[in-house]
Amino acid sequence: MRSRVSRWMQIFHDTTTHFFEDRDGGGRFEEDAWMRPGGGGGISRVLTDGVTFEKVGVNRSVVDGEIPGEMAARLGSDRISGGQVRFFATGVSVVCHPRSPMLPIVHMNVRYFEIEGKDGTPLDYWFGGGMDLTPTHPFPEDAVHFHRALRETCLRHHPDYYDRYKAWCDRYFVNSHRDDEMRGIGGIFFDNLRGGPDGTLDAESAFAFSQDVGLALRPAYGPIVERRRNMSFGTREKELQLVRRGRYVEFNLVHDRGTRFGLQTNARIESVLMSLPPMARWGYNLSYDAGTFEHRLMEMLKPRDWVDGVPPEFTSPVR
């Protein structure tokens, strides 16, 4: 399984890079190969100052080494009690910060972990990942499209996956230090996906679902890019984008599990912080009047059943 997953991650890394270059319309990725002192390495690809995208990071890592059993448990293993264990992890992570505030930020990640004893005995494995959208201007129809695309992907694998992993995403991407303000309009988030003793899921099924989540990036995000990329905007729209980017930074530095894992395992710091935008803004005690597009966006961030369509309260015009 390890070699097959690693090979697929390599192919997916390449196709995702091409997807964003094609959508940008002029920018090109810079590639940076790196080695991790403790074992393994990766390839970071970053597009900056593009036509459509201000920054896109597409990172692939393949790392291994030793960690305490307690850390393996914190990462998701329920079969490790203590001592030193070996780990293997590979994944592809994507973060896109568009130039226009009319385009939402998108984040996608697929990953695979293995844990084994120091003698090489397999102890545990699992898949994880997800995809979520962070709008910086209120277009509720984009949220509907995004969630319907993810639901379609999930339904190909299990009737409960979308509801289960949407709820997990809504719980995860929360700035609890901001009175539980959501980072965006959610998506799906899953972790610790592995074969169980009851036979309801096997490694092949978990791998297939993880692949489909990654491949859903194109139908979920591509049409939104085409709809919004050439829309006009002004100073207010740009200021709101920078404020929402600031909230994005707060979540990634304070709460994100991937960031913590990278810092705890001596990963390359440039890759760990790849998700941060080139520019952001923080205001003091910000609030927005009802009826403004800023207030509408804040209302959109509350968890909703987007697959049912645009809620009636979002059909009135804003100023």
C-alpha atoms as a PDB file:
ATOM      1  CA  MET A   1       0.000   0.000   0.000  1.00  0.00           C
ATOM      2  CA  ARG A   2       2.791   2.430   0.858  1.00  0.00           C
ATOM      3  CA  SER A   3       4.360   2.375  -2.608  1.00  0.00           C
ATOM      4  CA  ARG A   4       1.000   2.624  -4.399  1.00  0.00           C
ATOM      5  CA  VAL A   5      -0.151   5.567  -2.322  1.00  0.00           C
ATOM      6  CA  SER A   6       3.187   7.332  -2.799  1.00  0.00           C
ATOM      7  CA  ARG A   7       3.021   6.868  -6.568  1.00  0.00           C
ATOM      8  CA  TRP A   8      -0.524   8.213  -6.731  1.00  0.00           C
ATOM      9  CA  MET A   9       0.435  11.224  -4.616  1.00  0.00           C
ATOM     10  CA  GLN A  10       3.221  11.991  -7.091  1.00  0.00           C
ATOM     11  CA  ILE A  11       0.843  11.866 -10.066  1.00  0.00           C
ATOM     12  CA  PHE A  12      -1.813  13.891  -8.244  1.00  0.00           C
ATOM     13  CA  HIS A  13       0.784  16.507  -7.308  1.00  0.00           C
ATOM     14  CA  ASP A  14       1.584  16.996 -10.991  1.00  0.00           C
ATOM     15  CA  THR A  15      -2.015  17.134 -12.219  1.00  0.00           C
ATOM     16  CA  THR A  16      -2.991  19.602  -9.492  1.00  0.00           C
ATOM     17  CA  THR A  17      -0.100  21.876 -10.421  1.00  0.00           C
ATOM     18  CA  HIS A  18      -1.263  21.853 -14.050  1.00  0.00           C
ATOM     19  CA  PHE A  19      -4.846  22.573 -12.978  1.00  0.00           C
ATOM     20  CA  PHE A  20      -3.878  25.815 -11.242  1.00  0.00           C
ATOM     21  CA  GLU A  21      -1.472  26.921 -13.980  1.00  0.00           C
ATOM     22  CA  ASP A  22      -4.222  26.462 -16.565  1.00  0.00           C
ATOM     23  CA  ARG A  23      -6.747  28.382 -14.454  1.00  0.00           C
ATOM     24  CA  ASP A  24      -4.314  31.191 -13.672  1.00  0.00           C
ATOM     25  CA  GLY A  25      -3.704  32.080 -17.296  1.00  0.00           C
ATOM     26  CA  GLY A  26      -0.068  33.136 -17.084  1.00  0.00           C
ATOM     27  CA  GLY A  27       1.641  32.267 -13.804  1.00  0.00           C
ATOM     28  CA  ARG A  28       4.086  29.415 -13.358  1.00  0.00           C
ATOM     29  CA  PHE A  29       5.060  27.419 -10.300  1.00  0.00           C
ATOM     30  CA  GLU A  30       8.508  27.494  -8.781  1.00  0.00           C
ATOM     31  CA  GLU A  31       9.635  24.087  -7.542  1.00  0.00           C
ATOM     32  CA  ASP A  32      11.691  23.536  -4.437  1.00  0.00           C
ATOM     33  CA  ALA A  33      12.834  20.038  -3.466  1.00  0.00           C
ATOM     34  CA  TRP A  34      13.779  19.620   0.182  1.00  0.00           C
ATOM     35  CA  MET A  35      15.065  16.955   2.541  1.00  0.00           C
ATOM     36  CA  ARG A  36      13.967  16.411   6.123  1.00  0.00           C
ATOM     37  CA  PRO A  37      16.870  15.822   8.547  1.00  0.00           C
ATOM     38  CA  GLY A  38      14.979  13.049  10.344  1.00  0.00           C
ATOM     39  CA  GLY A  39      14.087  11.181   7.161  1.00  0.00           C
ATOM     40  CA  GLY A  40      12.352  11.765   3.850  1.00  0.00           C
ATOM     41  CA  GLY A  41      11.544  15.049   2.178  1.00  0.00           C
ATOM     42  CA  GLY A  42       9.239  16.587  -0.343  1.00  0.00           C
ATOM     43  CA  ILE A  43       8.621  18.947  -3.213  1.00  0.00           C
ATOM     44  CA  SER A  44       7.021  22.350  -2.717  1.00  0.00           C
ATOM     45  CA  ARG A  45       5.568  24.187  -5.688  1.00  0.00           C
ATOM     46  CA  VAL A  46       4.477  27.785  -5.257  1.00  0.00           C
ATOM     47  CA  LEU A  47       2.892  30.143  -7.766  1.00  0.00           C
ATOM     48  CA  THR A  48       3.117  33.808  -6.786  1.00  0.00           C
ATOM     49  CA  ASP A  49       1.840  37.021  -8.388  1.00  0.00           C
ATOM     50  CA  GLY A  50      -0.116  35.212 -11.062  1.00  0.00           C
ATOM     51  CA  VAL A  51      -2.855  36.635 -13.229  1.00  0.00           C
ATOM     52  CA  THR A  52      -5.724  35.067 -11.282  1.00  0.00           C
ATOM     53  CA  PHE A  53      -3.998  33.789  -8.161  1.00  0.00           C
ATOM     54  CA  GLU A  54      -1.869  35.823  -5.795  1.00  0.00           C
ATOM     55  CA  LYS A  55      -0.408  32.680  -4.239  1.00  0.00           C
ATOM     56  CA  VAL A  56      -0.947  28.967  -4.722  1.00  0.00           C
ATOM     57  CA  GLY A  57       0.987  26.324  -2.833  1.00  0.00           C
ATOM     58  CA  VAL A  58       0.918  22.677  -3.892  1.00  0.00           C
ATOM     59  CA  ASN A  59       3.114  20.655  -1.572  1.00  0.00           C
ATOM     60  CA  ARG A  60       3.937  16.938  -1.591  1.00  0.00           C
ATOM     61  CA  SER A  61       5.795  15.295   1.261  1.00  0.00           C
ATOM     62  CA  VAL A  62       7.096  11.792   1.926  1.00  0.00           C
ATOM     63  CA  VAL A  63       8.573  11.658   5.418  1.00  0.00           C
ATOM     64  CA  ASP A  64       9.541   8.960   7.894  1.00  0.00           C
ATOM     65  CA  GLY A  65      11.331   8.607  11.189  1.00  0.00           C
ATOM     66  CA  GLU A  66      10.827   7.840  14.862  1.00  0.00           C
ATOM     67  CA  ILE A  67       8.323   9.462  17.191  1.00  0.00           C
ATOM     68  CA  PRO A  68       7.098   8.690  20.715  1.00  0.00           C
ATOM     69  CA  GLY A  69       4.065   6.454  20.892  1.00  0.00           C
ATOM     70  CA  GLU A  70       2.190   9.239  22.665  1.00  0.00           C
ATOM     71  CA  MET A  71       2.613  11.458  19.592  1.00  0.00           C
ATOM     72  CA  ALA A  72       1.333   8.670  17.346  1.00  0.00           C
ATOM     73  CA  ALA A  73      -1.759   8.509  19.537  1.00  0.00           C
ATOM     74  CA  ARG A  74      -2.265  12.269  19.264  1.00  0.00           C
ATOM     75  CA  LEU A  75      -1.937  12.051  15.483  1.00  0.00           C
ATOM     76  CA  GLY A  76      -4.730   9.515  15.296  1.00  0.00           C
ATOM     77  CA  SER A  77      -3.539   6.024  16.186  1.00  0.00           C
ATOM     78  CA  ASP A  78      -5.689   4.133  18.673  1.00  0.00           C
ATOM     79  CA  ARG A  79      -3.372   1.123  18.773  1.00  0.00           C
ATOM     80  CA  ILE A  80      -0.223   2.600  20.313  1.00  0.00           C
ATOM     81  CA  SER A  81       0.357   2.754  24.056  1.00  0.00           C
ATOM     82  CA  GLY A  82       3.898   4.066  24.438  1.00  0.00           C
ATOM     83  CA  GLY A  83       7.552   3.675  23.566  1.00  0.00           C
ATOM     84  CA  GLN A  84       9.251   4.727  20.359  1.00  0.00           C
ATOM     85  CA  VAL A  85       7.627   3.834  17.033  1.00  0.00           C
ATOM     86  CA  ARG A  86       8.459   4.465  13.411  1.00  0.00           C
ATOM     87  CA  PHE A  87       6.148   6.467  11.185  1.00  0.00           C
ATOM     88  CA  PHE A  88       5.706   6.990   7.469  1.00  0.00           C
ATOM     89  CA  ALA A  89       3.566   9.797   6.089  1.00  0.00           C
ATOM     90  CA  THR A  90       2.879  11.067   2.611  1.00  0.00           C
ATOM     91  CA  GLY A  91       0.401  13.592   1.350  1.00  0.00           C
ATOM     92  CA  VAL A  92      -0.448  16.458  -0.947  1.00  0.00           C
ATOM     93  CA  SER A  93      -1.703  19.763   0.423  1.00  0.00           C
ATOM     94  CA  VAL A  94      -3.097  22.674  -1.571  1.00  0.00           C
ATOM     95  CA  VAL A  95      -3.895  26.238  -0.569  1.00  0.00           C
ATOM     96  CA  CYS A  96      -4.972  28.865  -3.102  1.00  0.00           C
ATOM     97  CA  HIS A  97      -5.215  32.585  -2.313  1.00  0.00           C
ATOM     98  CA  PRO A  98      -6.810  34.344  -5.311  1.00  0.00           C
ATOM     99  CA  ARG A  99      -5.942  37.868  -6.317  1.00  0.00           C
ATOM    100  CA  SER A 100      -9.582  38.952  -6.569  1.00  0.00           C
ATOM    101  CA  PRO A 101     -11.714  39.125  -3.400  1.00  0.00           C
ATOM    102  CA  MET A 102     -14.601  37.802  -5.484  1.00  0.00           C
ATOM    103  CA  LEU A 103     -12.855  34.425  -5.637  1.00  0.00           C
ATOM    104  CA  PRO A 104     -12.789  32.251  -2.499  1.00  0.00           C
ATOM    105  CA  ILE A 105      -9.761  30.655  -0.881  1.00  0.00           C
ATOM    106  CA  VAL A 106      -9.686  26.895  -1.330  1.00  0.00           C
ATOM    107  CA  HIS A 107      -7.805  24.336   0.746  1.00  0.00           C
ATOM    108  CA  MET A 108      -7.437  20.637   0.006  1.00  0.00           C
ATOM    109  CA  ASN A 109      -5.385  17.907   1.634  1.00  0.00           C
ATOM    110  CA  VAL A 110      -5.048  14.152   1.258  1.00  0.00           C
ATOM    111  CA  ARG A 111      -2.647  12.174   3.423  1.00  0.00           C
ATOM    112  CA  TYR A 112      -1.637   8.669   4.472  1.00  0.00           C
ATOM    113  CA  PHE A 113       0.050   7.521   7.689  1.00  0.00           C
ATOM    114  CA  GLU A 114       1.666   4.253   8.695  1.00  0.00           C
ATOM    115  CA  ILE A 115       2.937   3.342  12.144  1.00  0.00           C
ATOM    116  CA  GLU A 116       5.230   0.388  12.759  1.00  0.00           C
ATOM    117  CA  GLY A 117       7.342  -0.951  15.585  1.00  0.00           C
ATOM    118  CA  LYS A 118      11.071  -0.333  15.668  1.00  0.00           C
ATOM    119  CA  ASP A 119      11.502  -3.853  14.285  1.00  0.00           C
ATOM    120  CA  GLY A 120       9.305  -3.036  11.278  1.00  0.00           C
ATOM    121  CA  THR A 121       6.160  -4.771  12.534  1.00  0.00           C
ATOM    122  CA  PRO A 122       3.054  -3.000  11.108  1.00  0.00           C
ATOM    123  CA  LEU A 123       0.997  -1.471  13.911  1.00  0.00           C
ATOM    124  CA  ASP A 124      -1.461   0.933  12.324  1.00  0.00           C
ATOM    125  CA  TYR A 125      -2.354   2.925   9.213  1.00  0.00           C
ATOM    126  CA  TRP A 126      -4.974   5.493   8.244  1.00  0.00           C
ATOM    127  CA  PHE A 127      -6.010   7.985   5.584  1.00  0.00           C
ATOM    128  CA  GLY A 128      -7.114  11.554   6.131  1.00  0.00           C
ATOM    129  CA  GLY A 129      -7.918  14.680   4.202  1.00  0.00           C
ATOM    130  CA  GLY A 130     -10.650  16.996   3.086  1.00  0.00           C
ATOM    131  CA  MET A 131     -11.496  20.147   1.208  1.00  0.00           C
ATOM    132  CA  ASP A 132     -12.968  23.433   2.374  1.00  0.00           C
ATOM    133  CA  LEU A 133     -13.841  26.839   0.971  1.00  0.00           C
ATOM    134  CA  THR A 134     -13.236  30.257   2.526  1.00  0.00           C
ATOM    135  CA  PRO A 135     -15.171  32.975   0.677  1.00  0.00           C
ATOM    136  CA  THR A 136     -14.081  36.575   1.007  1.00  0.00           C
ATOM    137  CA  HIS A 137     -17.225  37.932  -0.677  1.00  0.00           C
ATOM    138  CA  PRO A 138     -20.756  36.554  -0.222  1.00  0.00           C
ATOM    139  CA  PHE A 139     -21.835  34.396  -3.141  1.00  0.00           C
ATOM    140  CA  PRO A 140     -24.121  31.781  -1.561  1.00  0.00           C
ATOM    141  CA  GLU A 141     -24.590  30.025  -4.901  1.00  0.00           C
ATOM    142  CA  ASP A 142     -20.862  29.201  -4.868  1.00  0.00           C
ATOM    143  CA  ALA A 143     -21.274  27.525  -1.486  1.00  0.00           C
ATOM    144  CA  VAL A 144     -24.160  25.479  -2.885  1.00  0.00           C
ATOM    145  CA  HIS A 145     -22.103  24.373  -5.891  1.00  0.00           C
ATOM    146  CA  PHE A 146     -19.087  23.482  -3.761  1.00  0.00           C
ATOM    147  CA  HIS A 147     -21.034  21.387  -1.271  1.00  0.00           C
ATOM    148  CA  ARG A 148     -23.052  19.615  -3.941  1.00  0.00           C
ATOM    149  CA  ALA A 149     -19.838  18.612  -5.710  1.00  0.00           C
ATOM    150  CA  LEU A 150     -18.448  17.192  -2.471  1.00  0.00           C
ATOM    151  CA  ARG A 151     -21.676  15.370  -1.681  1.00  0.00           C
ATOM    152  CA  GLU A 152     -21.621  13.757  -5.124  1.00  0.00           C
ATOM    153  CA  THR A 153     -18.086  12.541  -4.469  1.00  0.00           C
ATOM    154  CA  CYS A 154     -18.986  11.151  -1.057  1.00  0.00           C
ATOM    155  CA  LEU A 155     -22.120   9.375  -2.276  1.00  0.00           C
ATOM    156  CA  ARG A 156     -20.038   7.261  -4.631  1.00  0.00           C
ATOM    157  CA  HIS A 157     -18.450   5.643  -1.580  1.00  0.00           C
ATOM    158  CA  HIS A 158     -20.892   5.678   1.330  1.00  0.00           C
ATOM    159  CA  PRO A 159     -24.349   7.209   1.914  1.00  0.00           C
ATOM    160  CA  ASP A 160     -23.282   8.697   5.244  1.00  0.00           C
ATOM    161  CA  TYR A 161     -19.877  10.121   4.312  1.00  0.00           C
ATOM    162  CA  TYR A 162     -21.010  13.594   3.262  1.00  0.00           C
ATOM    163  CA  ASP A 163     -23.124  14.296   6.349  1.00  0.00           C
ATOM    164  CA  ARG A 164     -20.508  12.773   8.638  1.00  0.00           C
ATOM    165  CA  TYR A 165     -17.508  14.582   7.191  1.00  0.00           C
ATOM    166  CA  LYS A 166     -19.319  17.885   6.636  1.00  0.00           C
ATOM    167  CA  ALA A 167     -20.201  17.920  10.330  1.00  0.00           C
ATOM    168  CA  TRP A 168     -16.589  17.120  11.213  1.00  0.00           C
ATOM    169  CA  CYS A 169     -15.408  19.968   8.974  1.00  0.00           C
ATOM    170  CA  ASP A 170     -17.852  22.377  10.620  1.00  0.00           C
ATOM    171  CA  ARG A 171     -16.451  21.403  14.020  1.00  0.00           C
ATOM    172  CA  TYR A 172     -12.823  21.562  12.925  1.00  0.00           C
ATOM    173  CA  PHE A 173     -12.384  24.855  11.057  1.00  0.00           C
ATOM    174  CA  VAL A 174     -13.409  27.052  13.970  1.00  0.00           C
ATOM    175  CA  ASN A 175     -11.527  29.946  15.527  1.00  0.00           C
ATOM    176  CA  SER A 176     -12.597  29.164  19.079  1.00  0.00           C
ATOM    177  CA  HIS A 177     -10.679  32.209  20.328  1.00  0.00           C
ATOM    178  CA  ARG A 178     -13.024  34.343  18.161  1.00  0.00           C
ATOM    179  CA  ASP A 179     -16.264  33.178  19.812  1.00  0.00           C
ATOM    180  CA  ASP A 180     -16.331  30.077  17.584  1.00  0.00           C
ATOM    181  CA  GLU A 181     -16.225  32.038  14.348  1.00  0.00           C
ATOM    182  CA  MET A 182     -15.953  29.706  11.357  1.00  0.00           C
ATOM    183  CA  ARG A 183     -12.974  30.053   9.021  1.00  0.00           C
ATOM    184  CA  GLY A 184     -15.170  29.612   5.956  1.00  0.00           C
ATOM    185  CA  ILE A 185     -18.275  27.809   4.715  1.00  0.00           C
ATOM    186  CA  GLY A 186     -16.803  24.392   5.389  1.00  0.00           C
ATOM    187  CA  GLY A 187     -16.643  21.371   3.142  1.00  0.00           C
ATOM    188  CA  ILE A 188     -15.594  17.914   4.292  1.00  0.00           C
ATOM    189  CA  PHE A 189     -12.896  16.762   6.694  1.00  0.00           C
ATOM    190  CA  PHE A 190     -11.978  13.182   7.563  1.00  0.00           C
ATOM    191  CA  ASP A 191      -9.204  11.459   9.457  1.00  0.00           C
ATOM    192  CA  ASN A 192      -8.327   8.064  10.911  1.00  0.00           C
ATOM    193  CA  LEU A 193     -10.002   6.304   7.970  1.00  0.00           C
ATOM    194  CA  ARG A 194      -8.870   2.690   8.118  1.00  0.00           C
ATOM    195  CA  GLY A 195     -10.100  -0.869   7.763  1.00  0.00           C
ATOM    196  CA  GLY A 196     -12.055  -2.125  10.744  1.00  0.00           C
ATOM    197  CA  PRO A 197     -12.442  -5.557  12.316  1.00  0.00           C
ATOM    198  CA  ASP A 198     -16.113  -5.651  11.291  1.00  0.00           C
ATOM    199  CA  GLY A 199     -15.160  -5.662   7.618  1.00  0.00           C
ATOM    200  CA  THR A 200     -17.191  -2.553   6.760  1.00  0.00           C
ATOM    201  CA  LEU A 201     -14.158  -0.821   5.278  1.00  0.00           C
ATOM    202  CA  ASP A 202     -10.884  -2.095   3.893  1.00  0.00           C
ATOM    203  CA  ALA A 203      -7.649  -0.380   2.906  1.00  0.00           C
ATOM    204  CA  GLU A 204      -8.569  -0.320  -0.793  1.00  0.00           C
ATOM    205  CA  SER A 205     -11.884   1.397  -0.099  1.00  0.00           C
ATOM    206  CA  ALA A 206     -10.209   3.981   2.131  1.00  0.00           C
ATOM    207  CA  PHE A 207      -7.588   4.657  -0.541  1.00  0.00           C
ATOM    208  CA  ALA A 208     -10.228   4.991  -3.267  1.00  0.00           C
ATOM    209  CA  PHE A 209     -12.208   7.513  -1.230  1.00  0.00           C
ATOM    210  CA  SER A 210      -9.085   9.568  -0.510  1.00  0.00           C
ATOM    211  CA  GLN A 211      -8.259   9.652  -4.212  1.00  0.00           C
ATOM    212  CA  ASP A 212     -11.749  10.827  -5.119  1.00  0.00           C
ATOM    213  CA  VAL A 213     -11.620  13.611  -2.527  1.00  0.00           C
ATOM    214  CA  GLY A 214      -8.455  14.931  -4.146  1.00  0.00           C
ATOM    215  CA  LEU A 215      -9.870  14.640  -7.653  1.00  0.00           C
ATOM    216  CA  ALA A 216     -13.007  16.541  -6.582  1.00  0.00           C
ATOM    217  CA  LEU A 217     -10.978  19.759  -6.500  1.00  0.00           C
ATOM    218  CA  ARG A 218     -11.457  20.301 -10.231  1.00  0.00           C
ATOM    219  CA  PRO A 219     -15.288  20.071 -10.389  1.00  0.00           C
ATOM    220  CA  ALA A 220     -15.796  21.730  -6.995  1.00  0.00           C
ATOM    221  CA  TYR A 221     -13.549  24.770  -7.506  1.00  0.00           C
ATOM    222  CA  GLY A 222     -12.945  25.133 -11.251  1.00  0.00           C
ATOM    223  CA  PRO A 223     -16.411  26.465 -12.181  1.00  0.00           C
ATOM    224  CA  ILE A 224     -16.256  29.031  -9.367  1.00  0.00           C
ATOM    225  CA  VAL A 225     -12.975  30.358 -10.756  1.00  0.00           C
ATOM    226  CA  GLU A 226     -14.502  30.752 -14.208  1.00  0.00           C
ATOM    227  CA  ARG A 227     -17.572  32.561 -12.827  1.00  0.00           C
ATOM    228  CA  ARG A 228     -15.740  35.061 -10.615  1.00  0.00           C
ATOM    229  CA  ARG A 229     -12.265  35.676 -12.008  1.00  0.00           C
ATOM    230  CA  ASN A 230     -13.150  38.733 -14.142  1.00  0.00           C
ATOM    231  CA  MET A 231     -15.631  40.433 -11.812  1.00  0.00           C
ATOM    232  CA  SER A 232     -14.909  44.022 -10.817  1.00  0.00           C
ATOM    233  CA  PHE A 233     -14.354  45.024  -7.187  1.00  0.00           C
ATOM    234  CA  GLY A 234     -13.454  48.057  -5.103  1.00  0.00           C
ATOM    235  CA  THR A 235     -11.646  49.078  -1.928  1.00  0.00           C
ATOM    236  CA  ARG A 236     -14.281  47.704   0.459  1.00  0.00           C
ATOM    237  CA  GLU A 237     -14.200  44.301  -1.181  1.00  0.00           C
ATOM    238  CA  LYS A 238     -10.410  44.180  -1.006  1.00  0.00           C
ATOM    239  CA  GLU A 239     -10.360  45.224   2.656  1.00  0.00           C
ATOM    240  CA  LEU A 240     -12.797  42.462   3.572  1.00  0.00           C
ATOM    241  CA  GLN A 241     -10.639  39.940   1.728  1.00  0.00           C
ATOM    242  CA  LEU A 242      -7.596  40.950   3.765  1.00  0.00           C
ATOM    243  CA  VAL A 243      -9.533  40.720   7.044  1.00  0.00           C
ATOM    244  CA  ARG A 244     -10.762  37.219   6.206  1.00  0.00           C
ATOM    245  CA  ARG A 245      -7.218  36.253   5.287  1.00  0.00           C
ATOM    246  CA  GLY A 246      -6.182  37.407   8.737  1.00  0.00           C
ATOM    247  CA  ARG A 247      -8.690  35.026  10.296  1.00  0.00           C
ATOM    248  CA  TYR A 248      -7.305  32.297   8.034  1.00  0.00           C
ATOM    249  CA  VAL A 249      -3.820  32.959   9.381  1.00  0.00           C
ATOM    250  CA  GLU A 250      -5.084  32.808  12.965  1.00  0.00           C
ATOM    251  CA  PHE A 251      -6.631  29.388  12.475  1.00  0.00           C
ATOM    252  CA  ASN A 252      -3.601  27.924  10.741  1.00  0.00           C
ATOM    253  CA  LEU A 253      -1.159  29.109  13.390  1.00  0.00           C
ATOM    254  CA  VAL A 254      -3.300  28.419  16.453  1.00  0.00           C
ATOM    255  CA  HIS A 255      -5.479  25.398  15.693  1.00  0.00           C
ATOM    256  CA  ASP A 256      -4.408  23.523  12.555  1.00  0.00           C
ATOM    257  CA  ARG A 257      -3.307  19.917  13.171  1.00  0.00           C
ATOM    258  CA  GLY A 258      -1.109  19.813  10.073  1.00  0.00           C
ATOM    259  CA  THR A 259       0.836  22.865  11.194  1.00  0.00           C
ATOM    260  CA  ARG A 260       1.348  21.351  14.641  1.00  0.00           C
ATOM    261  CA  PHE A 261       2.479  18.034  13.147  1.00  0.00           C
ATOM    262  CA  GLY A 262       5.004  19.809  10.937  1.00  0.00           C
ATOM    263  CA  LEU A 263       6.427  21.803  13.818  1.00  0.00           C
ATOM    264  CA  GLN A 264       6.609  18.750  16.096  1.00  0.00           C
ATOM    265  CA  THR A 265       8.391  16.553  13.530  1.00  0.00           C
ATOM    266  CA  ASN A 266      11.015  19.069  12.406  1.00  0.00           C
ATOM    267  CA  ALA A 267       9.450  19.516   8.982  1.00  0.00           C
ATOM    268  CA  ARG A 268      10.668  22.229   6.653  1.00  0.00           C
ATOM    269  CA  ILE A 269       9.249  25.502   7.952  1.00  0.00           C
ATOM    270  CA  GLU A 270       8.696  27.015   4.479  1.00  0.00           C
ATOM    271  CA  SER A 271       6.461  24.061   3.638  1.00  0.00           C
ATOM    272  CA  VAL A 272       4.664  24.117   6.989  1.00  0.00           C
ATOM    273  CA  LEU A 273       3.783  27.804   6.548  1.00  0.00           C
ATOM    274  CA  MET A 274       3.043  27.532   2.830  1.00  0.00           C
ATOM    275  CA  SER A 275      -0.660  28.068   3.532  1.00  0.00           C
ATOM    276  CA  LEU A 276      -0.233  31.651   4.729  1.00  0.00           C
ATOM    277  CA  PRO A 277      -1.332  34.446   2.361  1.00  0.00           C
ATOM    278  CA  PRO A 278       1.126  37.069   1.090  1.00  0.00           C
ATOM    279  CA  MET A 279      -0.956  39.881   2.609  1.00  0.00           C
ATOM    280  CA  ALA A 280      -3.540  40.042   5.401  1.00  0.00           C
ATOM    281  CA  ARG A 281      -5.120  42.643   7.664  1.00  0.00           C
ATOM    282  CA  TRP A 282      -6.260  42.899  11.257  1.00  0.00           C
ATOM    283  CA  GLY A 283      -8.714  45.546  12.426  1.00  0.00           C
ATOM    284  CA  TYR A 284      -9.703  46.405  15.970  1.00  0.00           C
ATOM    285  CA  ASN A 285     -13.119  45.233  17.222  1.00  0.00           C
ATOM    286  CA  LEU A 286     -14.616  44.998  13.742  1.00  0.00           C
ATOM    287  CA  SER A 287     -18.382  44.858  13.250  1.00  0.00           C
ATOM    288  CA  TYR A 288     -20.624  45.227  10.204  1.00  0.00           C
ATOM    289  CA  ASP A 289     -24.061  46.763   9.703  1.00  0.00           C
ATOM    290  CA  ALA A 290     -26.957  44.550   8.668  1.00  0.00           C
ATOM    291  CA  GLY A 291     -27.688  44.792   4.960  1.00  0.00           C
ATOM    292  CA  THR A 292     -24.052  45.181   3.935  1.00  0.00           C
ATOM    293  CA  PHE A 293     -22.143  42.552   1.990  1.00  0.00           C
ATOM    294  CA  GLU A 294     -19.695  42.315   4.890  1.00  0.00           C
ATOM    295  CA  HIS A 295     -22.509  41.332   7.260  1.00  0.00           C
ATOM    296  CA  ARG A 296     -23.909  38.907   4.683  1.00  0.00           C
ATOM    297  CA  LEU A 297     -20.553  37.139   4.492  1.00  0.00           C
ATOM    298  CA  MET A 298     -20.397  36.754   8.270  1.00  0.00           C
ATOM    299  CA  GLU A 299     -23.875  35.201   8.218  1.00  0.00           C
ATOM    300  CA  MET A 300     -22.767  32.789   5.500  1.00  0.00           C
ATOM    301  CA  LEU A 301     -19.982  31.483   7.733  1.00  0.00           C
ATOM    302  CA  LYS A 302     -22.468  29.869  10.111  1.00  0.00           C
ATOM    303  CA  PRO A 303     -22.851  26.123   9.400  1.00  0.00           C
ATOM    304  CA  ARG A 304     -25.721  25.440   6.995  1.00  0.00           C
ATOM    305  CA  ASP A 305     -27.102  22.683   4.774  1.00  0.00           C
ATOM    306  CA  TRP A 306     -25.865  24.205   1.543  1.00  0.00           C
ATOM    307  CA  VAL A 307     -26.838  21.246  -0.627  1.00  0.00           C
ATOM    308  CA  ASP A 308     -30.496  22.248  -0.138  1.00  0.00           C
ATOM    309  CA  GLY A 309     -29.907  25.466  -2.105  1.00  0.00           C
ATOM    310  CA  VAL A 310     -29.502  29.154  -1.318  1.00  0.00           C
ATOM    311  CA  PRO A 311     -31.295  29.986   1.968  1.00  0.00           C
ATOM    312  CA  PRO A 312     -34.140  32.523   1.566  1.00  0.00           C
ATOM    313  CA  GLU A 313     -32.426  35.027   3.858  1.00  0.00           C
ATOM    314  CA  PHE A 314     -29.602  35.333   1.321  1.00  0.00           C
ATOM    315  CA  THR A 315     -31.775  36.282  -1.648  1.00  0.00           C
ATOM    316  CA  SER A 316     -32.240  39.968  -0.761  1.00  0.00           C
ATOM    317  CA  PRO A 317     -29.803  42.530  -2.229  1.00  0.00           C
ATOM    318  CA  VAL A 318     -26.938  43.930  -0.160  1.00  0.00           C
ATOM    319  CA  ARG A 319     -25.223  47.268  -0.280  1.00  0.00           C
END
